[in-house]
Each structure stands twice: as structure tokens, then as C-alpha cells.
N, C-alpha and C. Protein backbone atom coordinates (compact mmCIF):
# COMPACT_ATOMS: atom_id res chain seq x y z
N MET A 1 17.69 7.07 -65.06
CA MET A 1 17.29 8.45 -65.04
C MET A 1 16.05 8.63 -64.17
N SER A 2 15.98 7.96 -63.09
CA SER A 2 14.84 8.03 -62.20
C SER A 2 15.08 9.09 -61.13
N ASN A 3 14.10 9.98 -60.92
CA ASN A 3 14.18 10.99 -59.88
C ASN A 3 13.49 10.55 -58.59
N LEU A 4 12.99 9.36 -58.56
CA LEU A 4 12.27 8.87 -57.40
C LEU A 4 13.24 8.38 -56.33
N VAL A 5 12.81 8.52 -55.10
CA VAL A 5 13.61 8.05 -53.96
C VAL A 5 13.01 6.74 -53.49
N ASN A 6 13.85 5.80 -53.20
CA ASN A 6 13.37 4.53 -52.64
C ASN A 6 13.04 4.74 -51.17
N VAL A 7 11.79 4.53 -50.80
CA VAL A 7 11.35 4.70 -49.42
C VAL A 7 11.44 3.34 -48.73
N PRO A 8 12.19 3.26 -47.62
CA PRO A 8 12.30 1.98 -46.92
C PRO A 8 10.96 1.54 -46.36
N GLU A 9 10.89 0.29 -45.92
CA GLU A 9 9.65 -0.27 -45.40
C GLU A 9 9.14 0.46 -44.17
N ASN A 10 10.04 1.03 -43.36
CA ASN A 10 9.59 1.73 -42.14
C ASN A 10 9.06 3.12 -42.45
N ARG A 11 8.97 3.48 -43.71
CA ARG A 11 8.39 4.74 -44.21
C ARG A 11 9.18 5.97 -43.79
N SER A 12 10.43 5.81 -43.43
CA SER A 12 11.26 6.93 -43.00
C SER A 12 12.27 7.25 -44.08
N LEU A 13 12.49 8.52 -44.32
CA LEU A 13 13.49 8.93 -45.30
C LEU A 13 14.87 9.07 -44.68
N ALA A 14 14.95 8.96 -43.36
CA ALA A 14 16.24 9.06 -42.68
C ALA A 14 17.04 7.78 -42.90
N ASN A 15 18.30 7.93 -43.16
CA ASN A 15 19.16 6.78 -43.37
C ASN A 15 19.67 6.33 -42.00
N THR A 16 19.14 5.25 -41.51
CA THR A 16 19.51 4.80 -40.16
C THR A 16 20.78 3.98 -40.17
N LYS A 17 21.32 3.68 -41.36
CA LYS A 17 22.53 2.88 -41.43
C LYS A 17 23.75 3.74 -41.73
N SER A 18 23.61 5.03 -41.64
CA SER A 18 24.70 5.95 -41.94
C SER A 18 25.70 5.96 -40.79
N ASN A 19 26.97 6.21 -41.09
CA ASN A 19 28.00 6.32 -40.06
C ASN A 19 28.09 7.72 -39.50
N VAL A 20 27.34 8.66 -40.04
CA VAL A 20 27.36 10.03 -39.57
C VAL A 20 26.43 10.15 -38.38
N ASN A 21 26.94 10.65 -37.26
CA ASN A 21 26.13 10.82 -36.05
C ASN A 21 25.76 12.28 -35.89
N PHE A 22 24.53 12.62 -36.20
CA PHE A 22 24.06 13.97 -36.02
C PHE A 22 23.54 14.13 -34.60
N PRO A 23 23.83 15.25 -33.94
CA PRO A 23 23.33 15.42 -32.57
C PRO A 23 21.82 15.61 -32.57
N THR A 24 21.20 15.11 -31.54
CA THR A 24 19.77 15.34 -31.39
C THR A 24 19.57 16.76 -30.87
N TRP A 25 18.34 17.25 -30.98
CA TRP A 25 18.06 18.61 -30.49
C TRP A 25 18.42 18.76 -29.03
N SER A 26 18.06 17.78 -28.20
CA SER A 26 18.34 17.91 -26.77
C SER A 26 19.84 17.93 -26.49
N ASN A 27 20.62 17.10 -27.21
CA ASN A 27 22.08 17.12 -27.03
C ASN A 27 22.66 18.45 -27.47
N TRP A 28 22.15 18.96 -28.57
CA TRP A 28 22.64 20.22 -29.11
C TRP A 28 22.36 21.36 -28.13
N LEU A 29 21.13 21.41 -27.58
CA LEU A 29 20.78 22.47 -26.62
C LEU A 29 21.57 22.33 -25.33
N ASP A 30 21.75 21.10 -24.84
CA ASP A 30 22.56 20.89 -23.64
C ASP A 30 23.97 21.43 -23.83
N GLU A 31 24.53 21.17 -25.01
CA GLU A 31 25.90 21.62 -25.26
C GLU A 31 25.97 23.15 -25.29
N ILE A 32 24.98 23.79 -25.90
CA ILE A 32 24.98 25.26 -25.96
C ILE A 32 24.92 25.87 -24.57
N PHE A 33 24.03 25.33 -23.73
CA PHE A 33 23.80 25.95 -22.44
C PHE A 33 24.81 25.55 -21.36
N THR A 34 25.60 24.54 -21.59
CA THR A 34 26.57 24.15 -20.57
C THR A 34 28.02 24.34 -21.01
N ARG A 35 28.24 24.69 -22.26
CA ARG A 35 29.60 24.86 -22.76
C ARG A 35 30.25 26.10 -22.15
N ASP A 36 31.43 25.93 -21.62
CA ASP A 36 32.26 27.02 -21.11
C ASP A 36 31.58 27.89 -20.07
N LEU A 37 30.60 27.34 -19.36
CA LEU A 37 29.98 28.09 -18.29
C LEU A 37 30.65 27.75 -16.97
N PRO A 38 30.71 28.71 -16.05
CA PRO A 38 31.27 28.38 -14.74
C PRO A 38 30.45 27.28 -14.07
N SER A 39 31.10 26.53 -13.22
CA SER A 39 30.43 25.39 -12.60
C SER A 39 29.24 25.79 -11.76
N VAL A 40 29.17 27.06 -11.32
CA VAL A 40 28.02 27.49 -10.53
C VAL A 40 26.73 27.38 -11.34
N PHE A 41 26.82 27.51 -12.68
CA PHE A 41 25.63 27.43 -13.51
C PHE A 41 25.26 26.00 -13.86
N THR A 42 26.21 25.11 -13.83
CA THR A 42 25.94 23.73 -14.21
C THR A 42 25.74 22.82 -13.01
N SER A 43 25.95 23.32 -11.80
CA SER A 43 25.76 22.47 -10.62
C SER A 43 24.31 22.54 -10.17
N SER A 44 23.95 21.61 -9.32
CA SER A 44 22.58 21.57 -8.80
C SER A 44 22.44 22.61 -7.70
N PHE A 45 21.46 23.49 -7.83
CA PHE A 45 21.25 24.51 -6.82
C PHE A 45 20.57 23.96 -5.58
N ASN A 46 19.94 22.79 -5.66
CA ASN A 46 19.21 22.22 -4.54
C ASN A 46 20.04 21.28 -3.70
N THR A 47 21.34 21.24 -3.87
CA THR A 47 22.16 20.31 -3.12
C THR A 47 21.99 20.57 -1.63
N GLY A 48 21.62 19.55 -0.89
CA GLY A 48 21.49 19.67 0.56
C GLY A 48 20.16 20.22 1.03
N ILE A 49 19.29 20.62 0.13
CA ILE A 49 18.02 21.20 0.54
C ILE A 49 16.91 20.26 0.06
N THR A 50 16.27 19.63 1.01
CA THR A 50 15.17 18.75 0.65
C THR A 50 14.02 18.98 1.61
N LEU A 51 12.85 18.69 1.16
CA LEU A 51 11.67 18.78 2.00
C LEU A 51 11.39 17.38 2.51
N PRO A 52 11.40 17.19 3.83
CA PRO A 52 11.24 15.83 4.35
C PRO A 52 9.85 15.26 4.06
N LYS A 53 9.83 13.96 3.87
CA LYS A 53 8.59 13.24 3.61
C LYS A 53 7.80 13.10 4.91
N VAL A 54 6.48 13.12 4.79
CA VAL A 54 5.60 13.09 5.96
C VAL A 54 4.54 12.01 5.78
N ASN A 55 4.31 11.26 6.84
CA ASN A 55 3.18 10.33 6.91
C ASN A 55 2.23 10.86 7.97
N ILE A 56 0.96 10.84 7.69
CA ILE A 56 -0.05 11.24 8.68
C ILE A 56 -1.01 10.07 8.82
N LYS A 57 -1.17 9.62 10.06
CA LYS A 57 -2.11 8.52 10.28
C LYS A 57 -3.07 8.91 11.39
N GLU A 58 -4.24 8.31 11.33
CA GLU A 58 -5.29 8.59 12.31
C GLU A 58 -5.61 7.32 13.06
N THR A 59 -5.70 7.44 14.38
CA THR A 59 -6.17 6.35 15.21
C THR A 59 -7.47 6.81 15.86
N ALA A 60 -8.04 5.97 16.69
CA ALA A 60 -9.28 6.34 17.37
C ALA A 60 -9.07 7.52 18.32
N ASP A 61 -7.85 7.65 18.87
CA ASP A 61 -7.59 8.68 19.89
C ASP A 61 -6.79 9.88 19.41
N CYS A 62 -6.10 9.76 18.28
CA CYS A 62 -5.21 10.86 17.88
C CYS A 62 -4.85 10.78 16.40
N PHE A 63 -4.19 11.83 15.95
CA PHE A 63 -3.52 11.86 14.66
C PHE A 63 -2.02 11.81 14.97
N VAL A 64 -1.25 11.18 14.10
CA VAL A 64 0.20 11.13 14.29
C VAL A 64 0.85 11.62 13.00
N VAL A 65 1.68 12.64 13.12
CA VAL A 65 2.46 13.15 12.00
C VAL A 65 3.87 12.62 12.16
N GLU A 66 4.32 11.81 11.21
CA GLU A 66 5.67 11.26 11.25
C GLU A 66 6.48 11.86 10.10
N MET A 67 7.67 12.35 10.44
CA MET A 67 8.51 13.02 9.46
C MET A 67 9.89 12.37 9.47
N ALA A 68 10.37 11.96 8.30
CA ALA A 68 11.69 11.34 8.18
C ALA A 68 12.74 12.44 8.07
N VAL A 69 13.52 12.61 9.15
CA VAL A 69 14.57 13.63 9.19
C VAL A 69 15.81 13.08 9.90
N PRO A 70 16.50 12.14 9.27
CA PRO A 70 17.66 11.53 9.93
C PRO A 70 18.83 12.49 10.06
N GLY A 71 19.69 12.20 11.04
CA GLY A 71 20.91 12.98 11.22
C GLY A 71 20.75 14.27 11.99
N LEU A 72 19.61 14.49 12.60
CA LEU A 72 19.40 15.72 13.35
C LEU A 72 19.34 15.41 14.85
N LYS A 73 19.21 16.46 15.62
CA LYS A 73 19.08 16.33 17.07
C LYS A 73 17.73 16.90 17.48
N LYS A 74 17.29 16.53 18.66
CA LYS A 74 16.01 17.02 19.16
C LYS A 74 15.97 18.53 19.22
N LEU A 75 17.10 19.15 19.54
CA LEU A 75 17.15 20.60 19.68
C LEU A 75 17.13 21.34 18.34
N ASP A 76 17.26 20.61 17.24
CA ASP A 76 17.26 21.24 15.91
C ASP A 76 15.86 21.69 15.47
N PHE A 77 14.82 21.18 16.12
CA PHE A 77 13.46 21.44 15.67
C PHE A 77 12.81 22.57 16.45
N ASP A 78 12.00 23.34 15.75
CA ASP A 78 11.16 24.36 16.36
C ASP A 78 9.73 24.03 15.93
N ILE A 79 8.94 23.54 16.88
CA ILE A 79 7.56 23.15 16.60
C ILE A 79 6.64 24.11 17.32
N SER A 80 5.70 24.69 16.59
CA SER A 80 4.81 25.67 17.21
C SER A 80 3.39 25.53 16.65
N ILE A 81 2.44 26.09 17.40
CA ILE A 81 1.04 26.13 16.97
C ILE A 81 0.60 27.58 17.07
N ASP A 82 0.04 28.08 15.98
CA ASP A 82 -0.48 29.44 15.97
C ASP A 82 -1.78 29.44 15.19
N ASN A 83 -2.86 29.73 15.87
CA ASN A 83 -4.17 29.84 15.24
C ASN A 83 -4.53 28.58 14.44
N LYS A 84 -4.40 27.42 15.08
CA LYS A 84 -4.74 26.11 14.50
C LYS A 84 -3.82 25.70 13.34
N ILE A 85 -2.64 26.28 13.28
CA ILE A 85 -1.66 25.88 12.27
C ILE A 85 -0.43 25.34 12.99
N LEU A 86 -0.12 24.07 12.71
CA LEU A 86 1.06 23.42 13.27
C LEU A 86 2.23 23.68 12.33
N SER A 87 3.33 24.21 12.86
CA SER A 87 4.52 24.48 12.05
C SER A 87 5.69 23.69 12.60
N ILE A 88 6.39 23.01 11.71
CA ILE A 88 7.60 22.29 12.07
C ILE A 88 8.72 22.92 11.26
N PHE A 89 9.68 23.51 11.96
CA PHE A 89 10.73 24.29 11.33
C PHE A 89 12.08 23.78 11.79
N LYS A 90 13.03 23.77 10.88
CA LYS A 90 14.39 23.38 11.20
C LYS A 90 15.34 24.24 10.38
N GLN A 91 16.33 24.80 11.05
CA GLN A 91 17.37 25.54 10.35
C GLN A 91 18.71 25.11 10.92
N LYS A 92 19.62 24.80 10.04
CA LYS A 92 20.95 24.38 10.47
C LYS A 92 21.97 25.26 9.77
N LYS A 93 22.86 25.78 10.56
CA LYS A 93 23.89 26.68 10.04
C LYS A 93 25.23 25.96 10.17
N LYS A 94 26.01 25.98 9.10
CA LYS A 94 27.32 25.34 9.12
C LYS A 94 28.35 26.34 8.65
N GLU A 95 29.40 26.50 9.43
CA GLU A 95 30.49 27.41 9.05
C GLU A 95 31.81 26.68 9.15
N HIS A 96 32.72 27.02 8.24
CA HIS A 96 34.05 26.43 8.26
C HIS A 96 35.02 27.52 7.84
N GLU A 97 36.07 27.70 8.62
CA GLU A 97 37.07 28.70 8.28
C GLU A 97 38.43 28.03 8.26
N HIS A 98 39.19 28.31 7.21
CA HIS A 98 40.52 27.73 7.03
C HIS A 98 41.51 28.87 6.85
N ASN A 99 42.44 28.99 7.78
CA ASN A 99 43.45 30.06 7.72
C ASN A 99 44.79 29.50 7.32
N GLU A 100 45.44 30.17 6.37
CA GLU A 100 46.80 29.83 5.97
C GLU A 100 47.60 31.13 6.00
N GLU A 101 48.84 31.03 5.70
CA GLU A 101 49.72 32.18 5.80
C GLU A 101 49.28 33.35 4.91
N ASN A 102 48.88 33.06 3.68
CA ASN A 102 48.57 34.12 2.73
C ASN A 102 47.09 34.32 2.46
N TYR A 103 46.24 33.45 3.00
CA TYR A 103 44.83 33.60 2.69
C TYR A 103 43.97 32.99 3.79
N THR A 104 42.73 33.41 3.77
CA THR A 104 41.72 32.83 4.65
C THR A 104 40.56 32.40 3.76
N ARG A 105 40.13 31.16 3.93
CA ARG A 105 38.97 30.67 3.19
C ARG A 105 37.87 30.39 4.21
N ARG A 106 36.74 31.01 3.98
CA ARG A 106 35.61 30.83 4.89
C ARG A 106 34.42 30.35 4.09
N GLU A 107 33.86 29.24 4.53
CA GLU A 107 32.69 28.68 3.87
C GLU A 107 31.56 28.60 4.88
N PHE A 108 30.38 28.88 4.41
CA PHE A 108 29.22 28.75 5.29
C PHE A 108 28.03 28.32 4.46
N GLY A 109 27.09 27.71 5.14
CA GLY A 109 25.90 27.26 4.44
C GLY A 109 24.75 27.12 5.43
N TYR A 110 23.56 27.20 4.91
CA TYR A 110 22.36 27.07 5.70
C TYR A 110 21.45 26.05 5.02
N THR A 111 20.87 25.20 5.81
CA THR A 111 19.81 24.34 5.30
C THR A 111 18.62 24.51 6.22
N SER A 112 17.46 24.52 5.64
CA SER A 112 16.27 24.69 6.46
C SER A 112 15.06 24.11 5.73
N PHE A 113 14.04 23.86 6.50
CA PHE A 113 12.75 23.50 5.94
C PHE A 113 11.68 23.94 6.91
N LYS A 114 10.49 24.09 6.40
CA LYS A 114 9.33 24.40 7.22
C LYS A 114 8.13 23.70 6.61
N ARG A 115 7.48 22.89 7.42
CA ARG A 115 6.25 22.22 7.00
C ARG A 115 5.14 22.73 7.90
N THR A 116 4.01 23.05 7.32
CA THR A 116 2.87 23.54 8.10
C THR A 116 1.65 22.68 7.80
N PHE A 117 0.80 22.53 8.82
CA PHE A 117 -0.40 21.71 8.71
C PHE A 117 -1.54 22.44 9.41
N ILE A 118 -2.69 22.50 8.76
CA ILE A 118 -3.87 23.08 9.39
C ILE A 118 -4.51 21.99 10.24
N LEU A 119 -4.66 22.28 11.51
CA LEU A 119 -5.22 21.29 12.43
C LEU A 119 -6.73 21.25 12.34
N PRO A 120 -7.31 20.06 12.35
CA PRO A 120 -8.77 19.97 12.38
C PRO A 120 -9.29 20.40 13.75
N GLU A 121 -10.54 20.79 13.79
CA GLU A 121 -11.17 21.21 15.06
C GLU A 121 -11.17 20.10 16.10
N SER A 122 -11.09 18.87 15.66
CA SER A 122 -11.14 17.74 16.59
C SER A 122 -9.86 17.56 17.41
N VAL A 123 -8.78 18.28 17.09
CA VAL A 123 -7.51 18.14 17.80
C VAL A 123 -7.51 19.00 19.07
N ASN A 124 -7.07 18.39 20.16
CA ASN A 124 -6.89 19.10 21.42
C ASN A 124 -5.48 19.69 21.42
N ASP A 125 -5.35 20.94 20.99
CA ASP A 125 -4.02 21.52 20.82
C ASP A 125 -3.29 21.80 22.13
N GLU A 126 -3.95 21.65 23.27
CA GLU A 126 -3.29 21.82 24.57
C GLU A 126 -2.46 20.59 24.95
N LYS A 127 -2.71 19.46 24.33
CA LYS A 127 -2.04 18.21 24.71
C LYS A 127 -1.13 17.64 23.63
N ILE A 128 -0.76 18.45 22.65
CA ILE A 128 0.13 17.98 21.58
C ILE A 128 1.53 17.77 22.14
N ASN A 129 2.16 16.67 21.75
CA ASN A 129 3.56 16.44 22.14
C ASN A 129 4.32 15.83 20.97
N ALA A 130 5.65 15.81 21.08
CA ALA A 130 6.49 15.31 20.00
C ALA A 130 7.66 14.53 20.58
N ASN A 131 8.16 13.59 19.77
CA ASN A 131 9.39 12.89 20.13
C ASN A 131 10.18 12.61 18.87
N TYR A 132 11.48 12.41 19.07
CA TYR A 132 12.39 12.17 17.96
C TYR A 132 13.19 10.92 18.29
N ASN A 133 13.07 9.90 17.43
CA ASN A 133 13.74 8.64 17.69
C ASN A 133 14.20 8.01 16.37
N GLU A 134 15.48 7.70 16.28
CA GLU A 134 16.06 7.02 15.12
C GLU A 134 15.70 7.69 13.79
N GLY A 135 15.81 9.02 13.74
CA GLY A 135 15.59 9.76 12.51
C GLY A 135 14.15 10.07 12.16
N ILE A 136 13.22 9.69 13.03
CA ILE A 136 11.80 9.96 12.78
C ILE A 136 11.27 10.92 13.85
N LEU A 137 10.77 12.05 13.40
CA LEU A 137 10.09 13.00 14.28
C LEU A 137 8.61 12.64 14.28
N SER A 138 8.06 12.38 15.46
CA SER A 138 6.64 12.05 15.58
C SER A 138 5.96 13.13 16.39
N VAL A 139 4.92 13.71 15.82
CA VAL A 139 4.12 14.72 16.53
C VAL A 139 2.75 14.08 16.76
N ILE A 140 2.39 13.95 18.03
CA ILE A 140 1.12 13.30 18.40
C ILE A 140 0.09 14.38 18.66
N LEU A 141 -1.02 14.31 17.92
CA LEU A 141 -2.10 15.29 18.01
C LEU A 141 -3.33 14.60 18.60
N PRO A 142 -3.49 14.64 19.93
CA PRO A 142 -4.64 13.94 20.54
C PRO A 142 -5.96 14.60 20.15
N LYS A 143 -6.98 13.76 20.04
CA LYS A 143 -8.31 14.26 19.71
C LYS A 143 -9.02 14.70 20.98
N ARG A 144 -9.95 15.64 20.81
CA ARG A 144 -10.82 16.03 21.93
C ARG A 144 -11.70 14.83 22.28
N GLU A 145 -12.15 14.76 23.50
CA GLU A 145 -12.96 13.62 23.94
C GLU A 145 -14.19 13.41 23.07
N GLU A 146 -14.86 14.49 22.71
CA GLU A 146 -16.08 14.34 21.92
C GLU A 146 -15.79 13.88 20.48
N ALA A 147 -14.55 14.00 20.03
CA ALA A 147 -14.20 13.60 18.66
C ALA A 147 -13.65 12.18 18.58
N LYS A 148 -13.33 11.59 19.71
CA LYS A 148 -12.78 10.24 19.70
C LYS A 148 -13.82 9.25 19.23
N GLN A 149 -13.35 8.26 18.50
CA GLN A 149 -14.26 7.23 18.00
C GLN A 149 -14.75 6.38 19.16
N LYS A 150 -16.00 6.19 19.19
CA LYS A 150 -16.61 5.35 20.22
C LYS A 150 -16.65 3.91 19.71
N ASN A 151 -16.68 2.98 20.63
CA ASN A 151 -16.81 1.58 20.25
C ASN A 151 -18.14 1.35 19.55
N THR A 152 -18.10 0.53 18.55
CA THR A 152 -19.32 0.20 17.83
C THR A 152 -20.21 -0.65 18.75
N ARG A 153 -21.46 -0.29 18.79
CA ARG A 153 -22.37 -1.09 19.59
C ARG A 153 -23.57 -1.46 18.72
N SER A 154 -24.11 -2.54 19.04
CA SER A 154 -25.24 -3.05 18.29
C SER A 154 -26.54 -2.55 18.91
N ILE A 155 -27.49 -2.19 18.08
CA ILE A 155 -28.78 -1.70 18.58
C ILE A 155 -29.83 -2.75 18.20
N LYS A 156 -30.53 -3.18 19.22
CA LYS A 156 -31.54 -4.21 19.01
C LYS A 156 -32.84 -3.57 18.53
N VAL A 157 -33.40 -4.12 17.52
CA VAL A 157 -34.67 -3.63 16.98
C VAL A 157 -35.79 -4.29 17.78
N LEU A 158 -36.70 -3.50 18.32
CA LEU A 158 -37.81 -4.01 19.11
C LEU A 158 -39.07 -4.17 18.29
């Protein structure tokens, strides 16, 4: 006639040896929000849209902006400078049309990105150039002569 509950050593009242599988909160919520919804709501909206990774390195004579953008062509890029802001823009348009006797299916899509960088005063924006090789876009930002690192020289104390 004991009303006390035996508490296991792990101090939990949940029976971990039960054959009943209760859904966790996250499973339960996932099921509510994805059940019987059209695939447009359950698919990834970011498919095909990514922001390319960028490395920026500094040498004694210039800065180099390297961007990983494989699968493109040189003509796909629009690089501009406006008021000390470097912009790298790419937009790609893809269209596909399929005609059959009773219907026409037309699909189109756009992918684009734009990365902008504020140029330091030390950059000579008249001499900036870019090249694209093996999926890497490199934008070379030469420094002004007065901003270039000078060779270290030793000063003799008299």
C-alpha cells in the first residue's frame, strides 16, 4: 500500500525502457509544418543562390581580392568602381521552353550576386585590373606609390 514512486539512479521519472516511442517536440512541430504542404513550401528557397567566398590579401605593392566562382565566363562579371566602392556583380539568366502538341512548358530562372568593398585611400583606382582563371576571379588593387611599403633600413646611432 505504498504511494511512493521508485526514482531510478539517474533521478529521472521518465521510463527509458518503455517500448512506447513518443515524438519529441521538434519531430512533432516538423510534422505539423510539413504535412500535406505543397513541395514549394518544403523545398529550399536558396537552391542555386550562393554568395561566393572571398579572400583578400595584402602585399607590399597591392591588395588582391580573390573570389571563388567556378563555372562562369569572363563576360559574366560586371566590375565597377563608384566613389571608392568596388562592386563585383554577376547575373545569369536561364530559360528553357518545351513545346508539345497540347502544351507548352516554359521554365526560367535567375541567379545573381553582388559583393561590394570600400576601397582604402591607399588604392590607386586608376590602375585596378581583374582576371579570371580556373574558377577564381582575381581583382588586383595596386597601391599608390606613397602607400607602398618601403624596404626596411637600419639607422645607425651616432
